[in-house]
mmCIF file of all heavy atoms, coordinates in Angstrom:
data_MODEL
# 
_entry.id   MODEL 
# 
loop_
_atom_site.group_PDB 
_atom_site.id 
_atom_site.type_symbol 
_atom_site.label_atom_id 
_atom_site.label_alt_id 
_atom_site.label_comp_id 
_atom_site.label_asym_id 
_atom_site.label_entity_id 
_atom_site.label_seq_id 
_atom_site.pdbx_PDB_ins_code 
_atom_site.Cartn_x 
_atom_site.Cartn_y 
_atom_site.Cartn_z 
_atom_site.occupancy 
_atom_site.B_iso_or_equiv 
_atom_site.pdbx_formal_charge 
_atom_site.auth_seq_id 
_atom_site.auth_comp_id 
_atom_site.auth_asym_id 
_atom_site.auth_atom_id 
_atom_site.pdbx_PDB_model_num 
ATOM 1   N N   . PHE A 1 1  ? 1.265   -6.736  9.714   1.00 0.00 ? 1  PHE A N   1 
ATOM 2   C CA  . PHE A 1 1  ? 0.305   -6.832  8.514   1.00 0.00 ? 1  PHE A CA  1 
ATOM 3   C C   . PHE A 1 1  ? -1.028  -6.205  8.865   1.00 0.00 ? 1  PHE A C   1 
ATOM 4   O O   . PHE A 1 1  ? -1.476  -6.075  10.037  1.00 0.00 ? 1  PHE A O   1 
ATOM 5   C CB  . PHE A 1 1  ? 0.074   -8.275  8.060   1.00 0.00 ? 1  PHE A CB  1 
ATOM 6   C CG  . PHE A 1 1  ? 1.448   -8.961  7.670   1.00 0.00 ? 1  PHE A CG  1 
ATOM 7   C CD1 . PHE A 1 1  ? 2.142   -9.771  8.555   1.00 0.00 ? 1  PHE A CD1 1 
ATOM 8   C CD2 . PHE A 1 1  ? 1.867   -8.764  6.357   1.00 0.00 ? 1  PHE A CD2 1 
ATOM 9   C CE1 . PHE A 1 1  ? 3.234   -10.471 8.136   1.00 0.00 ? 1  PHE A CE1 1 
ATOM 10  C CE2 . PHE A 1 1  ? 3.040   -9.386  6.010   1.00 0.00 ? 1  PHE A CE2 1 
ATOM 11  C CZ  . PHE A 1 1  ? 3.758   -10.223 6.915   1.00 0.00 ? 1  PHE A CZ  1 
ATOM 12  N N   . HIS A 1 2  ? -1.765  -5.807  7.851   1.00 0.00 ? 2  HIS A N   1 
ATOM 13  C CA  . HIS A 1 2  ? -3.065  -5.212  8.041   1.00 0.00 ? 2  HIS A CA  1 
ATOM 14  C C   . HIS A 1 2  ? -3.990  -5.911  7.111   1.00 0.00 ? 2  HIS A C   1 
ATOM 15  O O   . HIS A 1 2  ? -3.718  -6.545  6.136   1.00 0.00 ? 2  HIS A O   1 
ATOM 16  C CB  . HIS A 1 2  ? -3.040  -3.639  7.578   1.00 0.00 ? 2  HIS A CB  1 
ATOM 17  C CG  . HIS A 1 2  ? -2.082  -2.875  8.428   1.00 0.00 ? 2  HIS A CG  1 
ATOM 18  N ND1 . HIS A 1 2  ? -2.332  -2.510  9.684   1.00 0.00 ? 2  HIS A ND1 1 
ATOM 19  C CD2 . HIS A 1 2  ? -0.836  -2.486  8.149   1.00 0.00 ? 2  HIS A CD2 1 
ATOM 20  C CE1 . HIS A 1 2  ? -1.286  -1.792  10.196  1.00 0.00 ? 2  HIS A CE1 1 
ATOM 21  N NE2 . HIS A 1 2  ? -0.319  -1.746  9.193   1.00 0.00 ? 2  HIS A NE2 1 
ATOM 22  N N   . SER A 1 3  ? -5.303  -5.811  7.537   1.00 0.00 ? 3  SER A N   1 
ATOM 23  C CA  . SER A 1 3  ? -6.407  -6.269  6.631   1.00 0.00 ? 3  SER A CA  1 
ATOM 24  C C   . SER A 1 3  ? -6.809  -5.169  5.628   1.00 0.00 ? 3  SER A C   1 
ATOM 25  O O   . SER A 1 3  ? -5.858  -4.649  5.056   1.00 0.00 ? 3  SER A O   1 
ATOM 26  C CB  . SER A 1 3  ? -7.626  -6.697  7.516   1.00 0.00 ? 3  SER A CB  1 
ATOM 27  O OG  . SER A 1 3  ? -8.041  -5.675  8.254   1.00 0.00 ? 3  SER A OG  1 
ATOM 28  N N   . TYR A 1 4  ? -8.077  -4.784  5.467   1.00 0.00 ? 4  TYR A N   1 
ATOM 29  C CA  . TYR A 1 4  ? -8.287  -3.757  4.531   1.00 0.00 ? 4  TYR A CA  1 
ATOM 30  C C   . TYR A 1 4  ? -7.665  -2.464  5.038   1.00 0.00 ? 4  TYR A C   1 
ATOM 31  O O   . TYR A 1 4  ? -7.786  -1.995  6.122   1.00 0.00 ? 4  TYR A O   1 
ATOM 32  C CB  . TYR A 1 4  ? -9.771  -3.471  4.251   1.00 0.00 ? 4  TYR A CB  1 
ATOM 33  C CG  . TYR A 1 4  ? -10.010 -2.656  3.138   1.00 0.00 ? 4  TYR A CG  1 
ATOM 34  C CD1 . TYR A 1 4  ? -10.145 -3.132  1.824   1.00 0.00 ? 4  TYR A CD1 1 
ATOM 35  C CD2 . TYR A 1 4  ? -10.144 -1.204  3.247   1.00 0.00 ? 4  TYR A CD2 1 
ATOM 36  C CE1 . TYR A 1 4  ? -10.379 -2.420  0.750   1.00 0.00 ? 4  TYR A CE1 1 
ATOM 37  C CE2 . TYR A 1 4  ? -10.340 -0.414  2.129   1.00 0.00 ? 4  TYR A CE2 1 
ATOM 38  C CZ  . TYR A 1 4  ? -10.541 -1.021  0.844   1.00 0.00 ? 4  TYR A CZ  1 
ATOM 39  O OH  . TYR A 1 4  ? -10.624 -0.226  -0.272  1.00 0.00 ? 4  TYR A OH  1 
ATOM 40  N N   . HIS A 1 5  ? -6.863  -1.767  4.055   1.00 0.00 ? 5  HIS A N   1 
ATOM 41  C CA  . HIS A 1 5  ? -6.061  -0.623  4.497   1.00 0.00 ? 5  HIS A CA  1 
ATOM 42  C C   . HIS A 1 5  ? -5.593  0.191   3.365   1.00 0.00 ? 5  HIS A C   1 
ATOM 43  O O   . HIS A 1 5  ? -5.476  -0.321  2.198   1.00 0.00 ? 5  HIS A O   1 
ATOM 44  C CB  . HIS A 1 5  ? -4.681  -1.174  5.171   1.00 0.00 ? 5  HIS A CB  1 
ATOM 45  C CG  . HIS A 1 5  ? -3.910  -0.146  5.809   1.00 0.00 ? 5  HIS A CG  1 
ATOM 46  N ND1 . HIS A 1 5  ? -4.337  0.521   6.962   1.00 0.00 ? 5  HIS A ND1 1 
ATOM 47  C CD2 . HIS A 1 5  ? -2.655  0.176   5.589   1.00 0.00 ? 5  HIS A CD2 1 
ATOM 48  C CE1 . HIS A 1 5  ? -3.400  1.287   7.430   1.00 0.00 ? 5  HIS A CE1 1 
ATOM 49  N NE2 . HIS A 1 5  ? -2.360  1.068   6.569   1.00 0.00 ? 5  HIS A NE2 1 
ATOM 50  N N   . ALA A 1 6  ? -5.494  1.535   3.481   1.00 0.00 ? 6  ALA A N   1 
ATOM 51  C CA  . ALA A 1 6  ? -5.123  2.351   2.407   1.00 0.00 ? 6  ALA A CA  1 
ATOM 52  C C   . ALA A 1 6  ? -3.618  2.333   2.337   1.00 0.00 ? 6  ALA A C   1 
ATOM 53  O O   . ALA A 1 6  ? -2.949  3.137   2.922   1.00 0.00 ? 6  ALA A O   1 
ATOM 54  C CB  . ALA A 1 6  ? -5.647  3.841   2.597   1.00 0.00 ? 6  ALA A CB  1 
ATOM 55  N N   . ARG A 1 7  ? -3.110  1.423   1.590   1.00 0.00 ? 7  ARG A N   1 
ATOM 56  C CA  . ARG A 1 7  ? -1.588  1.391   1.435   1.00 0.00 ? 7  ARG A CA  1 
ATOM 57  C C   . ARG A 1 7  ? -1.093  2.321   0.517   1.00 0.00 ? 7  ARG A C   1 
ATOM 58  O O   . ARG A 1 7  ? -1.743  2.725   -0.497  1.00 0.00 ? 7  ARG A O   1 
ATOM 59  C CB  . ARG A 1 7  ? -1.171  -0.157  0.987   1.00 0.00 ? 7  ARG A CB  1 
ATOM 60  C CG  . ARG A 1 7  ? -1.547  -1.167  2.110   1.00 0.00 ? 7  ARG A CG  1 
ATOM 61  C CD  . ARG A 1 7  ? -1.532  -2.482  1.527   1.00 0.00 ? 7  ARG A CD  1 
ATOM 62  N NE  . ARG A 1 7  ? -1.753  -3.671  2.581   1.00 0.00 ? 7  ARG A NE  1 
ATOM 63  C CZ  . ARG A 1 7  ? -2.908  -3.903  3.148   1.00 0.00 ? 7  ARG A CZ  1 
ATOM 64  N NH1 . ARG A 1 7  ? -4.039  -3.383  2.567   1.00 0.00 ? 7  ARG A NH1 1 
ATOM 65  N NH2 . ARG A 1 7  ? -2.945  -4.808  4.060   1.00 0.00 ? 7  ARG A NH2 1 
ATOM 66  N N   . GLY A 1 8  ? 0.168   2.800   0.699   1.00 0.00 ? 8  GLY A N   1 
ATOM 67  C CA  . GLY A 1 8  ? 0.812   3.781   -0.215  1.00 0.00 ? 8  GLY A CA  1 
ATOM 68  C C   . GLY A 1 8  ? 2.197   4.065   0.153   1.00 0.00 ? 8  GLY A C   1 
ATOM 69  O O   . GLY A 1 8  ? 2.680   3.695   1.185   1.00 0.00 ? 8  GLY A O   1 
ATOM 70  N N   . ALA A 1 9  ? 2.829   4.931   -0.725  1.00 0.00 ? 9  ALA A N   1 
ATOM 71  C CA  . ALA A 1 9  ? 4.241   5.300   -0.453  1.00 0.00 ? 9  ALA A CA  1 
ATOM 72  C C   . ALA A 1 9  ? 4.408   6.606   -1.147  1.00 0.00 ? 9  ALA A C   1 
ATOM 73  O O   . ALA A 1 9  ? 4.288   6.708   -2.434  1.00 0.00 ? 9  ALA A O   1 
ATOM 74  C CB  . ALA A 1 9  ? 5.127   4.322   -0.944  1.00 0.00 ? 9  ALA A CB  1 
ATOM 75  N N   . THR A 1 10 ? 4.765   7.549   -0.413  1.00 0.00 ? 10 THR A N   1 
ATOM 76  C CA  . THR A 1 10 ? 5.209   8.980   -0.852  1.00 0.00 ? 10 THR A CA  1 
ATOM 77  C C   . THR A 1 10 ? 6.009   9.629   0.177   1.00 0.00 ? 10 THR A C   1 
ATOM 78  O O   . THR A 1 10 ? 6.246   9.061   1.297   1.00 0.00 ? 10 THR A O   1 
ATOM 79  C CB  . THR A 1 10 ? 3.960   9.737   -1.318  1.00 0.00 ? 10 THR A CB  1 
ATOM 80  O OG1 . THR A 1 10 ? 4.378   10.887  -2.168  1.00 0.00 ? 10 THR A OG1 1 
ATOM 81  C CG2 . THR A 1 10 ? 3.108   10.323  -0.100  1.00 0.00 ? 10 THR A CG2 1 
ATOM 82  N N   . GLU A 1 11 ? 6.461   10.822  -0.154  1.00 0.00 ? 11 GLU A N   1 
ATOM 83  C CA  . GLU A 1 11 ? 7.312   11.528  0.789   1.00 0.00 ? 11 GLU A CA  1 
ATOM 84  C C   . GLU A 1 11 ? 6.612   11.805  2.062   1.00 0.00 ? 11 GLU A C   1 
ATOM 85  O O   . GLU A 1 11 ? 5.502   12.337  2.080   1.00 0.00 ? 11 GLU A O   1 
ATOM 86  C CB  . GLU A 1 11 ? 7.705   12.922  0.235   1.00 0.00 ? 11 GLU A CB  1 
ATOM 87  C CG  . GLU A 1 11 ? 8.577   13.681  1.140   1.00 0.00 ? 11 GLU A CG  1 
ATOM 88  C CD  . GLU A 1 11 ? 8.963   15.047  0.454   1.00 0.00 ? 11 GLU A CD  1 
ATOM 89  O OE1 . GLU A 1 11 ? 9.698   15.133  -0.482  1.00 0.00 ? 11 GLU A OE1 1 
ATOM 90  O OE2 . GLU A 1 11 ? 8.497   16.017  1.033   1.00 0.00 ? 11 GLU A OE2 1 
ATOM 91  N N   . GLY A 1 12 ? 7.118   11.268  3.151   1.00 0.00 ? 12 GLY A N   1 
ATOM 92  C CA  . GLY A 1 12 ? 6.612   11.453  4.474   1.00 0.00 ? 12 GLY A CA  1 
ATOM 93  C C   . GLY A 1 12 ? 5.441   10.493  4.822   1.00 0.00 ? 12 GLY A C   1 
ATOM 94  O O   . GLY A 1 12 ? 4.842   10.759  5.880   1.00 0.00 ? 12 GLY A O   1 
ATOM 95  N N   . ASP A 1 13 ? 5.053   9.613   4.014   1.00 0.00 ? 13 ASP A N   1 
ATOM 96  C CA  . ASP A 1 13 ? 3.947   8.763   4.241   1.00 0.00 ? 13 ASP A CA  1 
ATOM 97  C C   . ASP A 1 13 ? 4.104   7.407   3.588   1.00 0.00 ? 13 ASP A C   1 
ATOM 98  O O   . ASP A 1 13 ? 3.777   7.272   2.402   1.00 0.00 ? 13 ASP A O   1 
ATOM 99  C CB  . ASP A 1 13 ? 2.677   9.438   3.597   1.00 0.00 ? 13 ASP A CB  1 
ATOM 100 C CG  . ASP A 1 13 ? 1.331   8.750   4.016   1.00 0.00 ? 13 ASP A CG  1 
ATOM 101 O OD1 . ASP A 1 13 ? 1.430   7.837   4.848   1.00 0.00 ? 13 ASP A OD1 1 
ATOM 102 O OD2 . ASP A 1 13 ? 0.323   8.924   3.390   1.00 0.00 ? 13 ASP A OD2 1 
ATOM 103 N N   . ILE A 1 14 ? 4.680   6.463   4.362   1.00 0.00 ? 14 ILE A N   1 
ATOM 104 C CA  . ILE A 1 14 ? 4.867   5.144   3.944   1.00 0.00 ? 14 ILE A CA  1 
ATOM 105 C C   . ILE A 1 14 ? 3.984   4.168   4.627   1.00 0.00 ? 14 ILE A C   1 
ATOM 106 O O   . ILE A 1 14 ? 4.026   4.037   5.827   1.00 0.00 ? 14 ILE A O   1 
ATOM 107 C CB  . ILE A 1 14 ? 6.376   4.649   4.149   1.00 0.00 ? 14 ILE A CB  1 
ATOM 108 C CG1 . ILE A 1 14 ? 7.341   5.609   3.480   1.00 0.00 ? 14 ILE A CG1 1 
ATOM 109 C CG2 . ILE A 1 14 ? 6.544   3.179   3.480   1.00 0.00 ? 14 ILE A CG2 1 
ATOM 110 C CD1 . ILE A 1 14 ? 7.176   5.728   1.950   1.00 0.00 ? 14 ILE A CD1 1 
ATOM 111 N N   . ARG A 1 15 ? 3.020   3.592   3.926   1.00 0.00 ? 15 ARG A N   1 
ATOM 112 C CA  . ARG A 1 15 ? 2.020   2.633   4.489   1.00 0.00 ? 15 ARG A CA  1 
ATOM 113 C C   . ARG A 1 15 ? 2.188   1.323   3.676   1.00 0.00 ? 15 ARG A C   1 
ATOM 114 O O   . ARG A 1 15 ? 1.557   1.173   2.697   1.00 0.00 ? 15 ARG A O   1 
ATOM 115 C CB  . ARG A 1 15 ? 0.702   3.155   4.445   1.00 0.00 ? 15 ARG A CB  1 
ATOM 116 C CG  . ARG A 1 15 ? 0.462   4.229   5.506   1.00 0.00 ? 15 ARG A CG  1 
ATOM 117 C CD  . ARG A 1 15 ? -0.878  4.943   5.323   1.00 0.00 ? 15 ARG A CD  1 
ATOM 118 N NE  . ARG A 1 15 ? -0.958  5.956   4.375   1.00 0.00 ? 15 ARG A NE  1 
ATOM 119 C CZ  . ARG A 1 15 ? -1.949  6.491   3.847   1.00 0.00 ? 15 ARG A CZ  1 
ATOM 120 N NH1 . ARG A 1 15 ? -3.186  6.126   4.180   1.00 0.00 ? 15 ARG A NH1 1 
ATOM 121 N NH2 . ARG A 1 15 ? -1.897  7.491   2.990   1.00 0.00 ? 15 ARG A NH2 1 
ATOM 122 N N   . ASP A 1 16 ? 3.137   0.441   4.045   1.00 0.00 ? 16 ASP A N   1 
ATOM 123 C CA  . ASP A 1 16 ? 3.433   -0.740  3.213   1.00 0.00 ? 16 ASP A CA  1 
ATOM 124 C C   . ASP A 1 16 ? 3.607   -1.924  4.131   1.00 0.00 ? 16 ASP A C   1 
ATOM 125 O O   . ASP A 1 16 ? 4.567   -1.853  4.948   1.00 0.00 ? 16 ASP A O   1 
ATOM 126 C CB  . ASP A 1 16 ? 4.746   -0.359  2.465   1.00 0.00 ? 16 ASP A CB  1 
ATOM 127 C CG  . ASP A 1 16 ? 5.194   -1.512  1.530   1.00 0.00 ? 16 ASP A CG  1 
ATOM 128 O OD1 . ASP A 1 16 ? 4.371   -2.391  1.400   1.00 0.00 ? 16 ASP A OD1 1 
ATOM 129 O OD2 . ASP A 1 16 ? 6.329   -1.433  1.156   1.00 0.00 ? 16 ASP A OD2 1 
ATOM 130 N N   . ASP A 1 17 ? 2.894   -3.009  3.955   1.00 0.00 ? 17 ASP A N   1 
ATOM 131 C CA  . ASP A 1 17 ? 3.007   -4.333  4.632   1.00 0.00 ? 17 ASP A CA  1 
ATOM 132 C C   . ASP A 1 17 ? 3.393   -5.403  3.744   1.00 0.00 ? 17 ASP A C   1 
ATOM 133 O O   . ASP A 1 17 ? 3.143   -6.560  4.032   1.00 0.00 ? 17 ASP A O   1 
ATOM 134 C CB  . ASP A 1 17 ? 1.835   -4.521  5.587   1.00 0.00 ? 17 ASP A CB  1 
ATOM 135 C CG  . ASP A 1 17 ? 0.650   -4.771  4.789   1.00 0.00 ? 17 ASP A CG  1 
ATOM 136 O OD1 . ASP A 1 17 ? 0.627   -4.674  3.513   1.00 0.00 ? 17 ASP A OD1 1 
ATOM 137 O OD2 . ASP A 1 17 ? -0.457  -5.196  5.305   1.00 0.00 ? 17 ASP A OD2 1 
ATOM 138 N N   . GLY A 1 18 ? 3.844   -5.018  2.487   1.00 0.00 ? 18 GLY A N   1 
ATOM 139 C CA  . GLY A 1 18 ? 4.227   -6.129  1.582   1.00 0.00 ? 18 GLY A CA  1 
ATOM 140 C C   . GLY A 1 18 ? 3.080   -6.664  0.649   1.00 0.00 ? 18 GLY A C   1 
ATOM 141 O O   . GLY A 1 18 ? 3.268   -7.603  -0.058  1.00 0.00 ? 18 GLY A O   1 
ATOM 142 N N   . THR A 1 19 ? 1.853   -5.922  0.773   1.00 0.00 ? 19 THR A N   1 
ATOM 143 C CA  . THR A 1 19 ? 0.715   -6.480  0.093   1.00 0.00 ? 19 THR A CA  1 
ATOM 144 C C   . THR A 1 19 ? 0.613   -5.568  -1.210  1.00 0.00 ? 19 THR A C   1 
ATOM 145 O O   . THR A 1 19 ? 0.515   -4.245  -1.186  1.00 0.00 ? 19 THR A O   1 
ATOM 146 C CB  . THR A 1 19 ? -0.571  -6.117  0.911   1.00 0.00 ? 19 THR A CB  1 
ATOM 147 O OG1 . THR A 1 19 ? -0.459  -6.956  2.153   1.00 0.00 ? 19 THR A OG1 1 
ATOM 148 C CG2 . THR A 1 19 ? -1.769  -6.702  0.209   1.00 0.00 ? 19 THR A CG2 1 
ATOM 149 N N   . ILE A 1 20 ? 0.544   -6.274  -2.327  1.00 0.00 ? 20 ILE A N   1 
ATOM 150 C CA  . ILE A 1 20 ? 0.514   -5.585  -3.601  1.00 0.00 ? 20 ILE A CA  1 
ATOM 151 C C   . ILE A 1 20 ? -1.043  -5.692  -4.111  1.00 0.00 ? 20 ILE A C   1 
ATOM 152 O O   . ILE A 1 20 ? -1.638  -6.850  -4.013  1.00 0.00 ? 20 ILE A O   1 
ATOM 153 C CB  . ILE A 1 20 ? 1.423   -6.362  -4.653  1.00 0.00 ? 20 ILE A CB  1 
ATOM 154 C CG1 . ILE A 1 20 ? 2.886   -6.070  -4.169  1.00 0.00 ? 20 ILE A CG1 1 
ATOM 155 C CG2 . ILE A 1 20 ? 1.260   -5.861  -6.052  1.00 0.00 ? 20 ILE A CG2 1 
ATOM 156 C CD1 . ILE A 1 20 ? 3.277   -4.666  -4.297  1.00 0.00 ? 20 ILE A CD1 1 
ATOM 157 N N   . ALA A 1 21 ? -1.455  -4.655  -4.759  1.00 0.00 ? 21 ALA A N   1 
ATOM 158 C CA  . ALA A 1 21 ? -2.827  -4.675  -5.359  1.00 0.00 ? 21 ALA A CA  1 
ATOM 159 C C   . ALA A 1 21 ? -2.726  -4.570  -6.814  1.00 0.00 ? 21 ALA A C   1 
ATOM 160 O O   . ALA A 1 21 ? -2.219  -3.452  -7.342  1.00 0.00 ? 21 ALA A O   1 
ATOM 161 C CB  . ALA A 1 21 ? -3.660  -3.438  -4.781  1.00 0.00 ? 21 ALA A CB  1 
ATOM 162 N N   . PRO A 1 22 ? -2.981  -5.505  -7.684  1.00 0.00 ? 22 PRO A N   1 
ATOM 163 C CA  . PRO A 1 22 ? -2.763  -5.447  -9.102  1.00 0.00 ? 22 PRO A CA  1 
ATOM 164 C C   . PRO A 1 22 ? -3.427  -4.198  -9.750  1.00 0.00 ? 22 PRO A C   1 
ATOM 165 O O   . PRO A 1 22 ? -2.958  -3.611  -10.692 1.00 0.00 ? 22 PRO A O   1 
ATOM 166 C CB  . PRO A 1 22 ? -3.397  -6.775  -9.674  1.00 0.00 ? 22 PRO A CB  1 
ATOM 167 C CG  . PRO A 1 22 ? -3.316  -7.686  -8.566  1.00 0.00 ? 22 PRO A CG  1 
ATOM 168 C CD  . PRO A 1 22 ? -3.417  -6.882  -7.347  1.00 0.00 ? 22 PRO A CD  1 
ATOM 169 N N   . THR A 1 23 ? -4.622  -3.744  -9.207  1.00 0.00 ? 23 THR A N   1 
ATOM 170 C CA  . THR A 1 23 ? -5.285  -2.572  -9.761  1.00 0.00 ? 23 THR A CA  1 
ATOM 171 C C   . THR A 1 23 ? -4.388  -1.265  -9.763  1.00 0.00 ? 23 THR A C   1 
ATOM 172 O O   . THR A 1 23 ? -4.555  -0.436  -10.475 1.00 0.00 ? 23 THR A O   1 
ATOM 173 C CB  . THR A 1 23 ? -6.623  -2.345  -9.011  1.00 0.00 ? 23 THR A CB  1 
ATOM 174 O OG1 . THR A 1 23 ? -7.298  -1.317  -9.720  1.00 0.00 ? 23 THR A OG1 1 
ATOM 175 C CG2 . THR A 1 23 ? -6.348  -1.843  -7.657  1.00 0.00 ? 23 THR A CG2 1 
ATOM 176 N N   . ALA A 1 24 ? -3.479  -1.283  -8.694  1.00 0.00 ? 24 ALA A N   1 
ATOM 177 C CA  . ALA A 1 24 ? -2.602  -0.104  -8.639  1.00 0.00 ? 24 ALA A CA  1 
ATOM 178 C C   . ALA A 1 24 ? -1.800  0.165   -9.901  1.00 0.00 ? 24 ALA A C   1 
ATOM 179 O O   . ALA A 1 24 ? -1.740  1.245   -10.456 1.00 0.00 ? 24 ALA A O   1 
ATOM 180 C CB  . ALA A 1 24 ? -1.685  -0.119  -7.373  1.00 0.00 ? 24 ALA A CB  1 
ATOM 181 N N   . ALA A 1 25 ? -1.086  -0.939  -10.324 1.00 0.00 ? 25 ALA A N   1 
ATOM 182 C CA  . ALA A 1 25 ? -0.231  -0.868  -11.510 1.00 0.00 ? 25 ALA A CA  1 
ATOM 183 C C   . ALA A 1 25 ? -1.148  -0.815  -12.805 1.00 0.00 ? 25 ALA A C   1 
ATOM 184 O O   . ALA A 1 25 ? -1.031  0.023   -13.645 1.00 0.00 ? 25 ALA A O   1 
ATOM 185 C CB  . ALA A 1 25 ? 0.768   -1.957  -11.572 1.00 0.00 ? 25 ALA A CB  1 
ATOM 186 N N   . ALA A 1 26 ? -2.150  -1.644  -12.820 1.00 0.00 ? 26 ALA A N   1 
ATOM 187 C CA  . ALA A 1 26 ? -2.982  -1.698  -14.020 1.00 0.00 ? 26 ALA A CA  1 
ATOM 188 C C   . ALA A 1 26 ? -3.762  -0.511  -14.342 1.00 0.00 ? 26 ALA A C   1 
ATOM 189 O O   . ALA A 1 26 ? -3.850  0.018   -15.415 1.00 0.00 ? 26 ALA A O   1 
ATOM 190 C CB  . ALA A 1 26 ? -4.028  -2.946  -13.807 1.00 0.00 ? 26 ALA A CB  1 
# 
């Protein structure tokens, strides 16, 4: 897990530790 972190998912770049940010979908 990470504290503050630029999470994301795209081709060749997965940065995911199970943390969801509501602002991303909203």
